Amino acid sequence: MKGQTAFEYAIIVCVAIVILLPLWININNTMGITKIELQSSYSAHAVSKLQTAADAVYLQGVPAKFTVIINLPEGVDSVSISNHEISMRMSSAAGQADMIAMTLAEVEGSISPRAGAHRVTVEALATGTVNMTESA
């Protein structure tokens, strides 16, 4: 009788594993997709915030100056600020993606690609360009 009880418990455990394993795989995949979408959204928001600040400073002219705080997600490989373009390249499990925003003014500057909050000073220069630098 003890052998039959142990066998029945083993069958119950196997059925539970068969039910829970696909559920676990589905939840894990959904979490991965959500993380990628969240990183992409953070990057797009940061680029958009920088573009808005650059355009506002350019339209106000010298000596306009803003300080903007942006949050960069993990996976950002590079941030490029040149010509009329602000671009951010990021890597994730889905591959590489570029977030790009075009500005009214010619922009220049540099921002570290490390994850976390960055304080960026956006300043109109006498040359007609807008400078973006990370400040402490």
Protein backbone atom coordinates (compact mmCIF):
# COMPACT_ATOMS: atom_id res chain seq x y z
CA MET A 1 0.00 0.00 0.00
CA LYS A 2 2.87 2.38 0.75
CA GLY A 3 4.28 1.86 -2.73
CA GLN A 4 0.97 2.78 -4.34
CA THR A 5 0.69 5.98 -2.26
CA ALA A 6 4.21 7.04 -3.20
CA PHE A 7 3.44 6.36 -6.87
CA GLU A 8 0.25 8.47 -6.68
CA TYR A 9 2.16 11.35 -5.08
CA ALA A 10 4.78 11.12 -7.83
CA ILE A 11 2.05 11.28 -10.48
CA ILE A 12 0.49 14.34 -8.79
CA VAL A 13 3.88 16.11 -8.69
CA CYS A 14 4.50 15.31 -12.38
CA VAL A 15 1.07 16.66 -13.37
CA ALA A 16 1.72 19.85 -11.39
CA ILE A 17 5.09 20.32 -13.12
CA VAL A 18 3.52 19.74 -16.54
CA ILE A 19 0.94 22.45 -15.77
CA LEU A 20 3.32 24.96 -14.16
CA LEU A 21 6.26 24.71 -16.57
CA PRO A 22 4.51 26.26 -19.63
CA LEU A 23 3.02 28.92 -17.38
CA TRP A 24 6.49 29.77 -16.03
CA ILE A 25 7.96 29.95 -19.56
CA ASN A 26 5.15 32.27 -20.70
CA ILE A 27 5.60 34.61 -17.72
CA ASN A 28 9.37 34.70 -18.25
CA ASN A 29 8.97 35.61 -21.96
CA THR A 30 6.44 38.33 -21.13
CA MET A 31 8.78 39.84 -18.55
CA GLY A 32 11.62 39.93 -21.10
CA ILE A 33 9.46 41.66 -23.70
CA THR A 34 8.21 44.18 -21.13
CA LYS A 35 11.78 44.99 -20.07
CA ILE A 36 12.81 45.66 -23.69
CA GLU A 37 9.76 47.90 -24.24
CA LEU A 38 10.47 49.80 -21.03
CA GLN A 39 14.12 50.40 -22.01
CA SER A 40 13.01 51.63 -25.41
CA SER A 41 10.45 53.97 -23.85
CA TYR A 42 13.02 55.44 -21.44
CA SER A 43 15.44 56.05 -24.31
CA ALA A 44 12.82 57.68 -26.51
CA HIS A 45 11.74 59.92 -23.62
CA ALA A 46 15.33 61.00 -22.89
CA VAL A 47 16.00 61.86 -26.54
CA SER A 48 12.71 63.74 -26.80
CA LYS A 49 13.45 65.71 -23.63
CA LEU A 50 16.88 66.74 -24.97
CA GLN A 51 15.35 67.74 -28.32
CA THR A 52 12.70 69.90 -26.65
CA ALA A 53 15.31 71.63 -24.49
CA ALA A 54 17.63 72.22 -27.48
CA ASP A 55 14.82 73.72 -29.57
CA ALA A 56 13.65 75.96 -26.71
CA VAL A 57 17.16 77.26 -26.00
CA TYR A 58 17.80 77.84 -29.71
CA LEU A 59 14.59 79.83 -30.16
CA GLN A 60 15.34 81.98 -27.10
CA GLY A 61 18.90 82.66 -28.23
CA VAL A 62 21.94 83.71 -26.23
CA PRO A 63 22.23 83.59 -23.13
CA ALA A 64 19.45 80.97 -22.73
CA LYS A 65 20.44 77.98 -20.67
CA PHE A 66 18.46 75.01 -19.29
CA THR A 67 19.36 72.13 -17.05
CA VAL A 68 17.54 68.93 -17.90
CA ILE A 69 17.58 65.68 -15.93
CA ILE A 70 17.26 62.53 -18.03
CA ASN A 71 17.26 58.87 -17.03
CA LEU A 72 19.13 56.46 -19.26
CA PRO A 73 18.24 52.77 -19.04
CA GLU A 74 20.68 49.87 -19.02
CA GLY A 75 21.85 48.83 -22.45
CA VAL A 76 22.66 52.27 -23.88
CA ASP A 77 25.81 51.88 -25.98
CA SER A 78 26.33 55.47 -27.10
CA VAL A 79 24.80 58.93 -27.15
CA SER A 80 25.66 61.11 -30.13
CA ILE A 81 24.96 64.85 -30.29
CA SER A 82 26.04 66.51 -33.52
CA ASN A 83 24.77 68.49 -36.51
CA HIS A 84 20.97 68.67 -36.12
CA GLU A 85 20.65 65.24 -34.54
CA ILE A 86 20.50 63.67 -31.10
CA SER A 87 20.79 59.89 -31.27
CA MET A 88 21.01 57.10 -28.77
CA ARG A 89 22.01 53.54 -29.65
CA MET A 90 20.97 50.75 -27.33
CA SER A 91 21.37 46.99 -27.24
CA SER A 92 18.91 44.49 -25.85
CA ALA A 93 17.98 40.85 -26.28
CA ALA A 94 15.97 41.89 -29.36
CA GLY A 95 19.05 43.47 -31.00
CA GLN A 96 20.20 47.04 -31.50
CA ALA A 97 17.90 50.04 -31.78
CA ASP A 98 18.51 53.73 -32.46
CA MET A 99 16.45 56.53 -30.96
CA ILE A 100 16.87 59.67 -33.09
CA ALA A 101 15.51 63.21 -32.79
CA MET A 102 16.13 66.07 -35.19
CA THR A 103 16.59 69.57 -33.76
CA LEU A 104 16.04 73.05 -35.21
CA ALA A 105 19.53 74.16 -34.23
CA GLU A 106 22.89 72.62 -34.85
CA VAL A 107 23.79 70.80 -31.65
CA GLU A 108 27.06 69.63 -30.14
CA GLY A 109 28.13 67.99 -26.93
CA SER A 110 28.52 64.69 -25.15
CA ILE A 111 26.68 62.62 -22.57
CA SER A 112 27.95 59.47 -20.87
CA PRO A 113 26.00 56.33 -21.84
CA ARG A 114 26.03 54.89 -18.31
CA ALA A 115 22.67 53.91 -16.87
CA GLY A 116 20.97 56.23 -14.38
CA ALA A 117 20.14 59.90 -13.94
CA HIS A 118 22.13 62.52 -15.84
CA ARG A 119 22.03 66.28 -15.35
CA VAL A 120 22.53 67.90 -18.76
CA THR A 121 23.13 71.62 -19.28
CA VAL A 122 21.69 72.85 -22.58
CA GLU A 123 23.06 76.26 -23.60
CA ALA A 124 22.71 78.55 -26.62
CA LEU A 125 26.07 79.72 -27.95
CA ALA A 126 26.87 82.94 -29.81
CA THR A 127 27.79 80.86 -32.88
CA GLY A 128 24.14 79.83 -33.27
CA THR A 129 24.71 76.30 -32.07
CA VAL A 130 23.37 74.64 -28.94
CA ASN A 131 25.81 72.95 -26.58
CA MET A 132 24.79 69.99 -24.40
CA THR A 133 27.14 68.89 -21.64
CA GLU A 134 26.73 66.67 -18.64
CA SER A 135 27.10 68.61 -15.41
CA ALA A 136 27.85 67.37 -11.92
